[in-house]
Amino acid sequence: MAFSAPAADTRVKDVRVGENELSVFLMDGRTISVPLGWYPRLVAATPDQLRHWEIAGGGYGIHWPDIDEDLSTEGLLRGAPAPRRG
């Protein structure tokens, strides 16, 4: 008996920003949750700015136009926080 694994689909379905975490819901049913503190621009944003996000990069990214922040599902899956500014 052969089983085939469902194809991973890491495109963004939905985004929620909580008090301490960012949760990104993927098309394949997975959820990526990371500490909000990893992304200083998101921490400093207003609730309205956080709610105003767009799917970008062919579905593999998230863009917050009001704060000029971009994240990719690839980076989130790798556990990559925002680079520190010098």
N, C-alpha and C. Protein backbone atom coordinates (compact mmCIF):
# COMPACT_ATOMS: atom_id res chain seq x y z
N MET A 1 0.83 -1.16 0.00
CA MET A 1 0.00 0.00 0.00
C MET A 1 0.89 1.24 0.00
N ALA A 2 0.68 2.14 -0.92
CA ALA A 2 1.50 3.34 -1.05
C ALA A 2 0.73 4.55 -0.52
N PHE A 3 1.47 5.38 0.18
CA PHE A 3 0.92 6.63 0.67
C PHE A 3 1.68 7.77 0.03
N SER A 4 0.98 8.81 -0.31
CA SER A 4 1.68 9.99 -0.80
C SER A 4 1.42 11.13 0.16
N ALA A 5 2.49 11.83 0.47
CA ALA A 5 2.38 12.96 1.39
C ALA A 5 1.71 14.12 0.67
N PRO A 6 0.86 14.85 1.37
CA PRO A 6 0.26 16.02 0.74
C PRO A 6 1.34 17.04 0.39
N ALA A 7 1.15 17.73 -0.70
CA ALA A 7 2.13 18.73 -1.12
C ALA A 7 2.11 19.92 -0.16
N ALA A 8 3.28 20.37 0.22
CA ALA A 8 3.38 21.56 1.07
C ALA A 8 3.02 22.78 0.25
N ASP A 9 2.21 23.64 0.80
CA ASP A 9 1.84 24.89 0.14
C ASP A 9 2.07 26.01 1.15
N THR A 10 3.23 26.64 1.05
CA THR A 10 3.63 27.63 2.03
C THR A 10 3.17 29.04 1.68
N ARG A 11 2.16 29.15 0.83
CA ARG A 11 1.60 30.47 0.54
C ARG A 11 0.76 30.93 1.74
N VAL A 12 0.69 32.24 1.91
CA VAL A 12 -0.02 32.86 3.03
C VAL A 12 -1.53 32.80 2.79
N LYS A 13 -2.24 32.36 3.81
CA LYS A 13 -3.71 32.37 3.78
C LYS A 13 -4.25 33.50 4.65
N ASP A 14 -3.66 33.66 5.84
CA ASP A 14 -4.13 34.68 6.78
C ASP A 14 -2.99 35.04 7.71
N VAL A 15 -3.10 36.20 8.33
CA VAL A 15 -2.09 36.70 9.27
C VAL A 15 -2.83 37.26 10.48
N ARG A 16 -2.31 36.95 11.66
CA ARG A 16 -2.85 37.54 12.89
C ARG A 16 -1.66 37.99 13.74
N VAL A 17 -1.80 39.18 14.28
CA VAL A 17 -0.77 39.72 15.15
C VAL A 17 -1.37 39.85 16.53
N GLY A 18 -0.82 39.08 17.47
CA GLY A 18 -1.26 39.14 18.86
C GLY A 18 -0.39 40.08 19.65
N GLU A 19 -0.61 40.09 20.94
CA GLU A 19 0.16 40.96 21.82
C GLU A 19 1.65 40.61 21.82
N ASN A 20 1.95 39.30 21.73
CA ASN A 20 3.34 38.86 21.82
C ASN A 20 3.79 37.96 20.68
N GLU A 21 2.90 37.67 19.72
CA GLU A 21 3.32 36.78 18.65
C GLU A 21 2.66 37.12 17.33
N LEU A 22 3.36 36.73 16.28
CA LEU A 22 2.87 36.83 14.91
C LEU A 22 2.51 35.42 14.47
N SER A 23 1.30 35.23 13.98
CA SER A 23 0.87 33.93 13.48
C SER A 23 0.51 34.06 12.01
N VAL A 24 1.10 33.19 11.21
CA VAL A 24 0.85 33.17 9.78
C VAL A 24 0.25 31.82 9.44
N PHE A 25 -0.94 31.85 8.87
CA PHE A 25 -1.66 30.64 8.50
C PHE A 25 -1.38 30.34 7.04
N LEU A 26 -0.92 29.13 6.77
CA LEU A 26 -0.53 28.75 5.42
C LEU A 26 -1.66 28.01 4.71
N MET A 27 -1.59 28.00 3.40
CA MET A 27 -2.62 27.35 2.58
C MET A 27 -2.70 25.85 2.86
N ASP A 28 -1.60 25.23 3.29
CA ASP A 28 -1.61 23.78 3.52
C ASP A 28 -2.10 23.40 4.91
N GLY A 29 -2.57 24.39 5.68
CA GLY A 29 -3.13 24.11 6.99
C GLY A 29 -2.20 24.33 8.16
N ARG A 30 -0.92 24.53 7.90
CA ARG A 30 0.02 24.79 8.99
C ARG A 30 -0.08 26.24 9.45
N THR A 31 0.38 26.48 10.67
CA THR A 31 0.47 27.82 11.23
C THR A 31 1.89 28.03 11.73
N ILE A 32 2.48 29.14 11.34
CA ILE A 32 3.80 29.53 11.84
C ILE A 32 3.57 30.61 12.89
N SER A 33 4.08 30.41 14.09
CA SER A 33 3.98 31.42 15.14
C SER A 33 5.38 31.76 15.61
N VAL A 34 5.67 33.05 15.62
CA VAL A 34 7.00 33.53 16.04
C VAL A 34 6.82 34.68 17.01
N PRO A 35 7.84 34.92 17.85
CA PRO A 35 7.75 36.05 18.78
C PRO A 35 7.66 37.38 18.03
N LEU A 36 6.72 38.21 18.39
CA LEU A 36 6.57 39.51 17.76
C LEU A 36 7.82 40.37 17.95
N GLY A 37 8.51 40.17 19.06
CA GLY A 37 9.73 40.92 19.35
C GLY A 37 10.83 40.74 18.33
N TRP A 38 10.74 39.73 17.50
CA TRP A 38 11.73 39.52 16.43
C TRP A 38 11.62 40.59 15.35
N TYR A 39 10.52 41.32 15.32
CA TYR A 39 10.27 42.28 14.25
C TYR A 39 9.94 43.65 14.85
N PRO A 40 10.97 44.45 15.11
CA PRO A 40 10.79 45.74 15.79
C PRO A 40 9.78 46.67 15.11
N ARG A 41 9.71 46.65 13.79
CA ARG A 41 8.74 47.52 13.11
C ARG A 41 7.30 47.10 13.44
N LEU A 42 7.08 45.81 13.58
CA LEU A 42 5.75 45.35 13.94
C LEU A 42 5.43 45.71 15.39
N VAL A 43 6.41 45.59 16.27
CA VAL A 43 6.21 45.94 17.68
C VAL A 43 5.84 47.42 17.81
N ALA A 44 6.48 48.28 17.00
CA ALA A 44 6.26 49.72 17.10
C ALA A 44 5.01 50.19 16.36
N ALA A 45 4.39 49.33 15.59
CA ALA A 45 3.24 49.72 14.77
C ALA A 45 1.97 49.85 15.60
N THR A 46 1.05 50.64 15.09
CA THR A 46 -0.26 50.77 15.72
C THR A 46 -1.13 49.57 15.33
N PRO A 47 -2.20 49.32 16.09
CA PRO A 47 -3.10 48.23 15.71
C PRO A 47 -3.65 48.37 14.28
N ASP A 48 -3.99 49.59 13.87
CA ASP A 48 -4.48 49.80 12.51
C ASP A 48 -3.42 49.45 11.47
N GLN A 49 -2.17 49.83 11.74
CA GLN A 49 -1.09 49.50 10.82
C GLN A 49 -0.87 48.00 10.73
N LEU A 50 -0.98 47.31 11.85
CA LEU A 50 -0.80 45.86 11.86
C LEU A 50 -1.91 45.13 11.11
N ARG A 51 -3.11 45.68 11.16
CA ARG A 51 -4.23 45.05 10.44
C ARG A 51 -4.15 45.28 8.94
N HIS A 52 -3.39 46.28 8.51
CA HIS A 52 -3.29 46.62 7.10
C HIS A 52 -2.08 45.90 6.48
N TRP A 53 -2.26 44.63 6.19
CA TRP A 53 -1.21 43.82 5.57
C TRP A 53 -1.73 43.31 4.23
N GLU A 54 -0.78 42.95 3.36
CA GLU A 54 -1.12 42.45 2.03
C GLU A 54 -0.29 41.20 1.76
N ILE A 55 -0.87 40.28 1.00
CA ILE A 55 -0.10 39.14 0.53
C ILE A 55 0.77 39.63 -0.61
N ALA A 56 2.03 39.24 -0.59
CA ALA A 56 3.00 39.70 -1.59
C ALA A 56 3.80 38.51 -2.11
N GLY A 57 4.66 38.79 -3.07
CA GLY A 57 5.60 37.77 -3.55
C GLY A 57 4.94 36.51 -4.06
N GLY A 58 3.87 36.66 -4.83
CA GLY A 58 3.21 35.48 -5.37
C GLY A 58 2.52 34.62 -4.33
N GLY A 59 2.28 35.20 -3.16
CA GLY A 59 1.62 34.46 -2.07
C GLY A 59 2.57 33.99 -1.00
N TYR A 60 3.87 34.15 -1.22
CA TYR A 60 4.88 33.65 -0.28
C TYR A 60 5.42 34.74 0.65
N GLY A 61 4.80 35.90 0.63
CA GLY A 61 5.27 36.98 1.48
C GLY A 61 4.12 37.79 2.04
N ILE A 62 4.46 38.61 3.04
CA ILE A 62 3.51 39.51 3.68
C ILE A 62 4.13 40.90 3.66
N HIS A 63 3.32 41.88 3.29
CA HIS A 63 3.79 43.26 3.23
C HIS A 63 2.86 44.14 4.06
N TRP A 64 3.45 44.96 4.92
CA TRP A 64 2.73 45.97 5.69
C TRP A 64 3.11 47.32 5.09
N PRO A 65 2.27 47.88 4.19
CA PRO A 65 2.66 49.09 3.48
C PRO A 65 2.83 50.32 4.37
N ASP A 66 2.08 50.41 5.45
CA ASP A 66 2.17 51.59 6.31
C ASP A 66 3.47 51.68 7.10
N ILE A 67 4.14 50.53 7.28
CA ILE A 67 5.38 50.53 8.06
C ILE A 67 6.56 50.00 7.25
N ASP A 68 6.33 49.72 5.97
CA ASP A 68 7.37 49.24 5.05
C ASP A 68 8.08 48.00 5.59
N GLU A 69 7.30 47.02 6.00
CA GLU A 69 7.85 45.76 6.50
C GLU A 69 7.43 44.63 5.57
N ASP A 70 8.38 43.75 5.26
CA ASP A 70 8.12 42.60 4.41
C ASP A 70 8.69 41.36 5.06
N LEU A 71 7.90 40.29 5.11
CA LEU A 71 8.36 39.01 5.63
C LEU A 71 8.00 37.93 4.61
N SER A 72 8.81 36.89 4.57
CA SER A 72 8.52 35.77 3.68
C SER A 72 8.22 34.52 4.51
N THR A 73 7.42 33.64 3.94
CA THR A 73 7.15 32.39 4.65
C THR A 73 8.44 31.58 4.75
N GLU A 74 9.31 31.69 3.77
CA GLU A 74 10.60 30.97 3.83
C GLU A 74 11.40 31.41 5.06
N GLY A 75 11.50 32.72 5.26
CA GLY A 75 12.22 33.23 6.42
C GLY A 75 11.56 32.84 7.73
N LEU A 76 10.24 32.90 7.77
CA LEU A 76 9.52 32.52 8.98
C LEU A 76 9.74 31.04 9.29
N LEU A 77 9.69 30.19 8.27
CA LEU A 77 9.91 28.76 8.48
C LEU A 77 11.34 28.47 8.94
N ARG A 78 12.30 29.28 8.51
CA ARG A 78 13.69 29.12 8.96
C ARG A 78 13.90 29.67 10.36
N GLY A 79 12.94 30.44 10.85
CA GLY A 79 13.09 31.05 12.18
C GLY A 79 14.02 32.24 12.14
N ALA A 80 13.95 33.02 11.06
CA ALA A 80 14.85 34.14 10.87
C ALA A 80 14.24 35.44 11.39
N PRO A 81 14.75 35.98 12.49
CA PRO A 81 14.27 37.29 12.96
C PRO A 81 14.77 38.38 12.03
N ALA A 82 14.20 39.58 12.17
CA ALA A 82 14.63 40.73 11.36
C ALA A 82 16.11 41.02 11.65
N PRO A 83 16.85 41.41 10.62
CA PRO A 83 18.25 41.77 10.85
C PRO A 83 18.34 43.00 11.76
N ARG A 84 19.33 43.01 12.60
CA ARG A 84 19.55 44.14 13.51
C ARG A 84 20.18 45.27 12.72
N ARG A 85 19.69 46.47 12.96
CA ARG A 85 20.23 47.65 12.28
C ARG A 85 21.47 48.13 13.03
N GLY A 86 22.49 48.52 12.25
CA GLY A 86 23.75 48.95 12.85
C GLY A 86 23.79 50.37 13.27
